[in-house]
N, C-alpha and C. Protein backbone atom coordinates (compact mmCIF):
# COMPACT_ATOMS: atom_id res chain seq x y z
N MET A 1 0.79 -1.37 -0.15
CA MET A 1 -0.55 -0.01 0.01
C MET A 1 0.90 1.17 -0.18
N GLY A 2 0.31 1.59 -0.77
CA GLY A 2 1.28 3.08 -0.65
C GLY A 2 0.19 4.19 0.28
N LYS A 3 1.20 5.81 0.45
CA LYS A 3 1.16 6.97 1.24
C LYS A 3 0.20 7.72 0.32
N LYS A 4 -0.73 8.26 1.14
CA LYS A 4 -1.48 9.12 -0.12
C LYS A 4 -0.57 10.44 0.36
N ALA A 5 -0.93 10.48 -0.82
CA ALA A 5 -0.25 12.25 -0.56
C ALA A 5 -0.97 13.16 -0.31
N LEU A 6 -0.51 14.20 0.56
CA LEU A 6 -1.21 15.75 0.17
C LEU A 6 -1.57 16.47 -0.22
N LYS A 7 -2.77 16.99 -0.94
CA LYS A 7 -2.92 18.10 -1.55
C LYS A 7 -3.01 19.17 -0.83
N ALA A 8 -2.39 20.32 -1.94
CA ALA A 8 -2.42 21.51 -1.25
C ALA A 8 -4.16 21.51 -1.25
N THR A 9 -5.27 21.42 -2.33
CA THR A 9 -6.70 21.73 -1.99
C THR A 9 -7.12 21.35 -0.91
N ASP A 10 -6.55 20.38 -0.29
CA ASP A 10 -7.39 20.51 1.14
C ASP A 10 -7.23 20.51 1.84
N GLU A 11 -5.82 22.12 2.57
CA GLU A 11 -5.35 23.36 2.92
C GLU A 11 -6.90 23.91 3.30
N THR A 12 -7.10 24.50 4.22
CA THR A 12 -8.36 25.81 4.73
C THR A 12 -7.66 27.13 5.38
N GLU A 13 -7.62 27.69 4.60
CA GLU A 13 -7.12 29.16 4.95
C GLU A 13 -8.02 29.44 6.80
N ALA A 14 -7.00 29.59 7.33
CA ALA A 14 -7.84 30.30 8.70
C ALA A 14 -7.30 31.79 8.96
N ASN A 15 -8.71 32.45 9.30
CA ASN A 15 -8.05 33.78 9.80
C ASN A 15 -8.82 34.21 10.61
N VAL A 16 -7.81 35.91 11.80
CA VAL A 16 -8.23 36.16 13.16
C VAL A 16 -8.79 36.93 12.88
N ASP A 17 -9.94 37.29 13.24
CA ASP A 17 -10.80 38.41 13.52
C ASP A 17 -10.53 39.04 14.52
N MET A 18 -9.79 40.41 15.23
CA MET A 18 -8.71 40.84 14.91
C MET A 18 -10.09 42.29 15.90
N SER A 19 -10.92 42.88 15.70
CA SER A 19 -12.27 43.11 16.14
C SER A 19 -12.55 43.28 17.40
N PRO A 20 -13.15 42.43 17.61
CA PRO A 20 -12.98 41.76 19.46
C PRO A 20 -11.50 42.24 20.38
N MET A 21 -10.71 41.82 20.07
CA MET A 21 -9.45 41.91 20.60
C MET A 21 -9.66 42.91 21.09
N ILE A 22 -9.49 43.84 19.93
CA ILE A 22 -9.12 45.22 20.02
C ILE A 22 -11.02 46.01 20.96
N ASP A 23 -11.68 45.35 20.66
CA ASP A 23 -12.98 46.19 21.91
C ASP A 23 -11.97 45.45 23.41
N CYS A 24 -11.66 44.02 23.41
CA CYS A 24 -11.38 44.02 24.69
C CYS A 24 -10.47 44.74 24.93
N CYS A 25 -9.39 45.20 24.07
CA CYS A 25 -8.42 45.96 24.75
C CYS A 25 -8.46 47.92 25.39
N PHE A 26 -9.46 47.78 24.94
CA PHE A 26 -10.13 49.20 25.14
C PHE A 26 -11.02 49.24 26.47
N LEU A 27 -11.88 48.03 26.05
CA LEU A 27 -12.69 48.43 27.43
C LEU A 27 -11.87 48.52 28.73
N LEU A 28 -10.44 47.24 28.30
CA LEU A 28 -9.62 47.24 30.40
C LEU A 28 -9.06 48.52 30.38
N LEU A 29 -8.37 48.80 29.11
CA LEU A 29 -7.85 50.08 29.21
C LEU A 29 -9.06 51.49 29.92
N ILE A 30 -10.23 51.44 29.46
CA ILE A 30 -11.12 52.36 30.51
C ILE A 30 -11.53 52.03 31.55
N PHE A 31 -11.28 50.82 31.50
CA PHE A 31 -11.46 50.64 33.47
C PHE A 31 -10.09 50.65 33.99
N PHE A 32 -8.88 50.40 34.25
CA PHE A 32 -7.89 50.88 34.31
C PHE A 32 -7.75 52.53 34.56
N VAL A 33 -8.66 53.67 33.87
CA VAL A 33 -8.27 54.61 33.88
C VAL A 33 -8.69 55.37 35.13
N VAL A 34 -10.26 54.23 34.78
CA VAL A 34 -11.36 55.35 35.79
C VAL A 34 -11.32 54.13 37.00
N ASN A 35 -10.89 53.60 37.52
CA ASN A 35 -10.20 52.87 38.74
C ASN A 35 -8.93 53.49 39.22
N ALA A 36 -7.79 54.33 38.62
CA ALA A 36 -6.94 55.21 39.10
C ALA A 36 -7.41 55.74 40.45
N THR A 37 -6.87 55.84 41.28
CA THR A 37 -7.56 56.51 42.16
C THR A 37 -5.46 57.68 42.55
N ALA A 38 -5.32 58.64 41.75
CA ALA A 38 -4.15 59.02 41.47
C ALA A 38 -4.74 60.82 43.10
N ILE A 39 -4.59 60.44 43.88
CA ILE A 39 -5.02 61.28 45.15
C ILE A 39 -3.48 62.35 45.12
N THR A 40 -3.59 63.82 45.21
CA THR A 40 -2.43 64.61 45.16
C THR A 40 -2.53 65.38 45.20
N VAL A 41 -1.54 65.89 46.51
CA VAL A 41 -1.47 67.09 46.86
C VAL A 41 -1.89 68.59 45.94
N LYS A 42 -2.44 69.80 46.40
CA LYS A 42 -2.72 70.47 45.18
C LYS A 42 -1.32 71.94 46.80
N LYS A 43 -0.80 71.84 45.18
CA LYS A 43 0.19 73.21 45.45
C LYS A 43 -0.02 74.44 44.93
N ASP A 44 0.27 74.88 45.86
CA ASP A 44 -0.43 77.13 45.94
C ASP A 44 0.91 77.19 44.96
N LYS A 45 0.75 78.59 44.20
CA LYS A 45 2.31 79.12 43.66
C LYS A 45 2.71 80.42 44.40
N ASN A 46 1.69 80.60 46.17
CA ASN A 46 2.41 81.95 46.45
C ASN A 46 3.87 80.82 46.74
N VAL A 47 3.51 80.00 47.64
CA VAL A 47 4.50 79.04 48.37
C VAL A 47 5.78 78.96 47.35
N LYS A 48 7.41 79.41 47.59
CA LYS A 48 8.38 78.82 47.59
C LYS A 48 8.62 77.55 48.14
N MET A 49 8.79 76.77 48.20
CA MET A 49 9.76 75.78 48.46
C MET A 49 10.86 76.04 48.65
N PRO A 50 11.60 75.21 50.39
CA PRO A 50 12.69 76.08 50.41
C PRO A 50 13.35 74.19 50.15
N THR A 51 14.81 74.49 49.68
CA THR A 51 15.56 73.34 49.76
C THR A 51 15.93 72.01 50.51
N ALA A 52 16.35 71.10 51.04
CA ALA A 52 16.43 70.22 51.78
C ALA A 52 18.08 68.55 50.19
N VAL A 53 18.82 68.93 51.61
CA VAL A 53 19.84 67.76 51.09
C VAL A 53 18.91 66.25 50.87
N ALA A 54 18.49 65.98 51.99
CA ALA A 54 17.55 65.23 52.85
C ALA A 54 15.70 65.02 52.41
N SER A 55 15.70 65.75 50.96
CA SER A 55 14.11 65.33 51.26
C SER A 55 14.29 64.14 49.58
N ASP A 56 12.52 63.67 50.59
CA ASP A 56 11.97 62.25 50.08
C ASP A 56 10.67 63.15 49.48
N GLU A 57 9.83 62.64 48.23
CA GLU A 57 9.20 62.41 47.77
C GLU A 57 7.55 61.86 48.86
N LEU A 58 5.87 62.92 49.03
CA LEU A 58 5.68 62.32 49.48
C LEU A 58 4.93 61.47 48.68
N LYS A 59 5.13 59.97 49.51
CA LYS A 59 3.97 58.99 48.74
C LYS A 59 3.02 58.37 48.68
N LYS A 60 1.81 58.38 50.02
CA LYS A 60 1.03 58.64 49.82
C LYS A 60 0.13 59.89 50.71
N ALA A 61 -0.71 60.34 49.82
CA ALA A 61 -1.30 61.28 50.16
C ALA A 61 -2.90 61.45 51.33
N ASN A 62 -3.00 59.62 52.08
CA ASN A 62 -4.42 59.71 52.32
C ASN A 62 -4.54 59.92 53.30
N GLY A 63 -4.98 60.36 54.36
CA GLY A 63 -5.77 60.98 55.28
C GLY A 63 -4.06 62.33 55.94
N LEU A 64 -3.94 63.21 55.00
CA LEU A 64 -3.34 64.46 54.85
C LEU A 64 -3.88 65.28 54.74
N ILE A 65 -3.71 66.44 55.74
CA ILE A 65 -4.57 67.93 55.78
C ILE A 65 -3.16 68.83 55.72
N VAL A 66 -2.96 69.25 54.11
CA VAL A 66 -2.46 70.90 53.96
C VAL A 66 -2.62 72.07 54.38
N VAL A 67 -1.59 72.23 55.06
CA VAL A 67 -1.55 73.52 55.37
C VAL A 67 0.10 74.73 54.95
N ASN A 68 -0.26 75.81 53.91
CA ASN A 68 0.75 76.61 53.46
C ASN A 68 0.42 77.95 54.40
N VAL A 69 2.29 77.46 55.13
CA VAL A 69 2.44 79.18 55.44
C VAL A 69 2.58 80.28 54.61
N PHE A 70 2.81 80.89 54.35
CA PHE A 70 2.75 82.63 53.91
C PHE A 70 3.78 83.12 53.86
N ASN A 71 4.78 84.03 53.65
CA ASN A 71 5.47 85.27 54.41
C ASN A 71 4.36 86.30 53.85
N PRO A 72 3.57 86.89 54.69
CA PRO A 72 2.79 88.13 54.92
C PRO A 72 3.16 88.90 53.33
N ASP A 73 3.94 89.26 53.27
CA ASP A 73 4.64 91.04 53.03
C ASP A 73 4.58 90.19 51.46
N LYS A 74 4.30 88.87 51.23
CA LYS A 74 4.45 88.07 49.63
C LYS A 74 3.96 87.85 49.45
N VAL A 75 3.03 87.45 49.56
CA VAL A 75 1.61 87.41 48.99
C VAL A 75 1.06 88.18 47.76
N LYS A 76 0.79 87.34 46.18
CA LYS A 76 0.41 88.05 45.52
C LYS A 76 -0.46 88.00 45.11
N ASP A 77 -1.08 87.20 45.65
CA ASP A 77 -2.83 86.15 45.19
C ASP A 77 -4.01 87.62 45.54
N SER A 78 -4.72 87.42 44.92
CA SER A 78 -5.40 88.16 45.55
C SER A 78 -6.88 87.45 45.91
N SER A 79 -6.75 86.40 45.83
CA SER A 79 -8.18 86.26 46.25
C SER A 79 -7.96 85.42 47.50
N TYR A 80 -6.80 85.83 48.09
CA TYR A 80 -6.34 85.95 49.48
C TYR A 80 -7.66 87.47 49.90
N PRO A 81 -8.00 86.80 51.43
CA PRO A 81 -7.97 88.49 52.48
C PRO A 81 -7.16 88.45 52.79
N ALA A 82 -7.36 89.89 52.58
CA ALA A 82 -5.48 91.03 52.98
C ALA A 82 -4.65 90.57 54.04
N GLY A 83 -4.04 90.33 54.98
CA GLY A 83 -3.09 89.35 55.78
C GLY A 83 -3.40 88.50 56.27
N THR A 84 -3.49 87.52 55.50
CA THR A 84 -3.83 85.42 55.44
C THR A 84 -2.06 85.15 55.54
N ILE A 85 -2.38 84.24 55.93
CA ILE A 85 -0.41 83.70 57.05
C ILE A 85 -0.47 82.26 56.42
N TRP A 86 -2.04 81.55 56.22
CA TRP A 86 -2.19 80.06 56.35
C TRP A 86 -2.63 79.75 55.24
N ALA A 87 -3.68 79.00 54.42
CA ALA A 87 -4.32 78.90 53.47
C ALA A 87 -4.31 76.94 53.89
N SER A 88 -5.47 76.50 53.64
CA SER A 88 -5.41 75.09 53.30
C SER A 88 -5.59 74.92 51.17
N ASP A 89 -5.30 73.66 51.37
CA ASP A 89 -5.28 73.66 49.85
C ASP A 89 -6.65 73.41 49.38
N GLU A 90 -7.91 73.65 49.84
CA GLU A 90 -9.08 74.10 49.08
C GLU A 90 -9.42 75.62 48.80
N ARG A 91 -8.14 76.26 49.18
CA ARG A 91 -7.58 77.75 48.79
C ARG A 91 -8.12 78.38 49.66
N LYS A 92 -8.15 78.50 50.75
CA LYS A 92 -9.34 78.50 52.38
C LYS A 92 -8.11 79.93 52.38
N GLY A 93 -8.09 80.68 53.25
CA GLY A 93 -7.29 81.51 53.70
C GLY A 93 -7.28 81.98 55.72
N PHE A 94 -7.10 82.06 56.09
CA PHE A 94 -7.20 82.08 57.67
C PHE A 94 -5.57 83.58 57.96
N SER A 95 -5.86 84.03 58.53
CA SER A 95 -5.23 85.36 59.40
C SER A 95 -5.08 84.96 60.50
N ASN A 96 -6.24 84.32 62.00
CA ASN A 96 -5.48 84.66 62.65
C ASN A 96 -5.49 82.71 63.24
N GLU A 97 -4.88 82.72 64.67
CA GLU A 97 -4.58 81.19 64.88
C GLU A 97 -6.06 80.50 65.76
N ALA A 98 -6.76 81.05 65.44
CA ALA A 98 -8.30 80.79 65.94
C ALA A 98 -8.84 79.74 65.26
N GLU A 99 -8.58 80.44 64.17
CA GLU A 99 -9.95 79.75 62.47
C GLU A 99 -8.70 78.55 62.37
N LEU A 100 -7.15 78.87 61.73
CA LEU A 100 -6.77 78.21 61.36
C LEU A 100 -7.32 76.79 62.80
N GLU A 101 -6.58 77.04 63.66
CA GLU A 101 -6.75 75.52 65.30
C GLU A 101 -8.67 75.00 64.85
N GLU A 102 -9.80 75.92 64.00
CA GLU A 102 -10.76 75.47 63.69
C GLU A 102 -10.55 74.74 62.52
N TYR A 103 -9.93 74.82 62.07
CA TYR A 103 -9.82 74.06 60.48
C TYR A 103 -9.40 72.80 60.63
N LEU A 104 -8.45 72.82 61.35
CA LEU A 104 -7.15 71.72 61.03
C LEU A 104 -8.95 70.28 62.87
N LYS A 105 -9.47 71.19 63.18
CA LYS A 105 -10.67 69.94 64.10
C LYS A 105 -11.47 69.80 63.16
N THR A 106 -12.07 70.55 62.83
CA THR A 106 -12.81 70.20 61.04
C THR A 106 -13.17 69.05 60.09
N ARG A 107 -11.07 69.42 59.64
CA ARG A 107 -11.00 68.73 58.49
C ARG A 107 -10.16 67.39 59.34
N LYS A 108 -9.40 67.70 60.43
CA LYS A 108 -9.62 65.78 61.15
C LYS A 108 -10.63 65.14 61.46
N GLU A 109 -12.04 65.97 61.94
CA GLU A 109 -12.90 65.03 62.37
C GLU A 109 -13.31 64.19 60.80
N GLU A 110 -13.42 65.52 59.60
CA GLU A 110 -13.70 64.98 58.29
C GLU A 110 -13.14 63.58 58.09
N LEU A 111 -11.85 63.48 58.25
CA LEU A 111 -10.98 62.82 57.23
C LEU A 111 -11.44 61.16 58.82
N GLU A 112 -12.06 61.34 59.84
CA GLU A 112 -11.73 59.96 59.78
C GLU A 112 -12.92 59.57 60.16
N LYS A 113 -14.15 60.09 59.28
CA LYS A 113 -15.22 59.82 59.51
C LYS A 113 -14.87 58.52 58.07
N LYS A 114 -13.96 59.26 56.74
CA LYS A 114 -14.05 58.96 55.77
C LYS A 114 -13.40 57.91 55.70
N LYS A 115 -11.98 57.70 57.00
CA LYS A 115 -12.02 56.73 56.60
C LYS A 115 -12.98 55.04 57.74
N ASP A 116 -13.79 55.93 58.60
CA ASP A 116 -14.39 54.09 59.16
C ASP A 116 -15.83 53.95 58.08
N VAL A 117 -15.47 55.19 57.07
CA VAL A 117 -17.12 54.95 56.03
C VAL A 117 -16.75 53.76 54.59
N LYS A 118 -14.99 54.09 54.12
CA LYS A 118 -14.69 53.38 53.25
C LYS A 118 -13.76 52.47 54.21
N GLY A 119 -13.59 52.34 54.86
CA GLY A 119 -13.41 50.75 55.27
C GLY A 119 -11.68 51.22 55.12
N GLN A 120 -11.05 52.41 54.16
CA GLN A 120 -9.57 52.41 54.26
C GLN A 120 -8.64 52.86 55.93
N GLU A 121 -7.45 52.10 55.47
CA GLU A 121 -7.31 52.00 56.84
C GLU A 121 -5.76 52.53 56.41
N PHE A 122 -5.57 53.78 57.03
CA PHE A 122 -4.25 54.91 57.22
C PHE A 122 -3.66 54.53 58.21
N GLU A 123 -2.58 54.90 58.68
CA GLU A 123 -1.44 54.93 59.81
C GLU A 123 -1.87 55.77 60.51
N ALA A 124 -2.34 57.05 60.26
CA ALA A 124 -3.52 58.15 61.53
C ALA A 124 -3.21 59.51 60.39
N VAL A 125 -3.81 60.90 60.86
CA VAL A 125 -4.52 61.43 60.63
C VAL A 125 -2.54 62.68 60.15
N ARG A 126 -2.29 63.24 59.33
CA ARG A 126 -1.29 63.74 59.03
C ARG A 126 -1.78 65.54 58.70
N LEU A 127 -0.74 65.97 59.35
CA LEU A 127 -0.27 67.63 58.89
C LEU A 127 0.56 67.61 57.29
N TYR A 128 0.43 68.08 56.50
CA TYR A 128 1.47 68.69 55.62
C TYR A 128 1.73 69.44 55.70
N ILE A 129 3.09 70.27 55.85
CA ILE A 129 3.09 71.96 56.32
C ILE A 129 3.92 72.28 55.09
N ARG A 130 2.94 72.60 54.63
CA ARG A 130 4.31 73.27 53.32
C ARG A 130 4.66 75.23 53.19
N GLY A 131 5.50 75.46 54.03
CA GLY A 131 5.99 76.75 53.99
C GLY A 131 6.91 77.79 53.23
N ASP A 132 6.69 78.08 52.70
CA ASP A 132 7.35 79.26 51.97
C ASP A 132 8.99 79.41 52.61
N ALA A 133 10.06 79.50 51.62
CA ALA A 133 11.15 79.29 51.81
C ALA A 133 11.23 81.15 52.90
N THR A 134 10.42 81.79 52.67
CA THR A 134 10.52 83.13 53.02
C THR A 134 9.92 83.42 54.85
N ALA A 135 9.05 82.42 55.22
CA ALA A 135 8.52 82.64 55.69
C ALA A 135 8.72 82.68 57.53
N PRO A 136 8.24 83.52 58.59
CA PRO A 136 9.10 83.69 59.66
C PRO A 136 8.78 82.40 60.66
N TYR A 137 10.02 81.43 61.54
CA TYR A 137 9.24 80.42 61.83
C TYR A 137 8.24 79.99 62.77
N LYS A 138 8.15 81.16 62.80
CA LYS A 138 7.18 82.15 64.23
C LYS A 138 6.13 81.24 63.06
N TYR A 139 5.51 81.56 62.27
CA TYR A 139 3.99 81.11 61.48
C TYR A 139 3.81 79.73 61.44
N THR A 140 5.13 78.74 61.35
CA THR A 140 5.30 77.74 61.33
C THR A 140 4.98 76.69 62.27
N ASN A 141 5.22 77.53 63.23
CA ASN A 141 5.49 77.07 65.04
C ASN A 141 4.03 77.15 65.08
N LYS A 142 3.63 78.21 65.02
CA LYS A 142 1.99 78.06 65.36
C LYS A 142 0.99 77.59 64.97
N VAL A 143 0.94 76.80 63.76
CA VAL A 143 0.33 75.92 62.86
C VAL A 143 0.82 74.55 63.70
N ILE A 144 1.92 74.39 64.32
CA ILE A 144 2.22 73.20 64.93
C ILE A 144 1.65 72.95 65.47
N THR A 145 1.83 74.22 66.91
CA THR A 145 1.02 74.12 68.57
C THR A 145 -1.22 73.68 67.89
N ALA A 146 -1.18 74.80 67.07
CA ALA A 146 -3.05 74.73 66.35
C ALA A 146 -2.78 72.57 66.43
N ALA A 147 -2.14 72.23 66.06
CA ALA A 147 -2.01 70.36 65.66
C ALA A 147 -1.97 69.41 67.35
N GLY A 148 -0.66 70.42 67.62
CA GLY A 148 -1.25 69.71 69.27
C GLY A 148 -2.31 68.94 69.51
N LYS A 149 -2.99 71.07 69.83
CA LYS A 149 -4.34 71.25 70.36
C LYS A 149 -5.47 69.98 69.88
N ASN A 150 -4.77 69.85 68.05
CA ASN A 150 -6.13 69.26 68.10
C ASN A 150 -5.71 67.34 67.78
N GLY A 151 -4.79 66.99 68.55
CA GLY A 151 -4.51 66.07 68.71
C GLY A 151 -3.83 65.15 66.86
N ILE A 152 -3.46 65.72 66.46
CA ILE A 152 -2.47 65.58 65.27
C ILE A 152 -0.94 65.67 65.35
N THR A 153 -0.77 64.65 65.53
CA THR A 153 0.78 64.30 66.45
C THR A 153 2.01 64.15 64.61
N ASN A 154 1.08 63.81 63.83
CA ASN A 154 2.10 63.02 63.24
C ASN A 154 2.17 64.47 61.81
N ILE A 155 3.25 65.07 60.89
CA ILE A 155 3.37 66.08 60.81
C ILE A 155 5.01 65.60 59.57
N VAL A 156 4.67 66.53 58.48
CA VAL A 156 4.89 66.02 57.47
C VAL A 156 5.59 67.20 57.17
N PHE A 157 6.86 67.98 56.96
CA PHE A 157 7.85 68.95 56.18
C PHE A 157 8.17 69.31 54.54
N GLY A 158 7.08 69.87 54.08
CA GLY A 158 7.24 69.99 52.22
C GLY A 158 8.52 70.27 52.18
N ALA A 159 9.79 69.89 51.63
CA ALA A 159 10.85 70.64 50.98
C ALA A 159 10.77 70.11 50.18
N LEU A 160 12.13 70.58 49.47
CA LEU A 160 12.73 70.58 47.21
C LEU A 160 13.53 69.76 47.63
N PRO A 161 14.03 68.57 47.24
CA PRO A 161 15.68 68.35 46.99
C PRO A 161 16.52 69.50 46.00
N THR A 162 16.97 69.32 46.41
CA THR A 162 18.74 69.74 46.59
C THR A 162 18.67 69.63 45.25
N LYS A 163 19.67 70.59 44.09
CA LYS A 163 19.67 70.07 42.79
C LYS A 163 21.69 69.60 42.24
């Protein structure tokens, strides 16, 4: 018995439809873009950050209260009231310590409630102080004192790396 020779005409051509593959890729892309939560710290253009040799990037912004400390002589933004020394990341300006203490207390309570509702665990409420390089230290010290009165003991100081 002889072996049968395969004929080229018996082969069928296989085609792959790429449109379902492209649809799937787009759906995955949209899914990851929508679900990505990039929490960033809002920066105030009036604050010229100091530089530090051992500075490091702020990794997590969860549970963070941001307070900008200005040099009152150099605030150029007219959206702040006259005499503004401190401001929140929501661009709310404060000119006296009582307003600052009330803001820290309210913001801390809000963050603690969010922690319970969403179930997200973060170490503790942290205070991020972004001080202007020319601002007198006494204004930063008043922020630290107000934080201590409200039970905020985890404080992060903002600085840029030296070039």
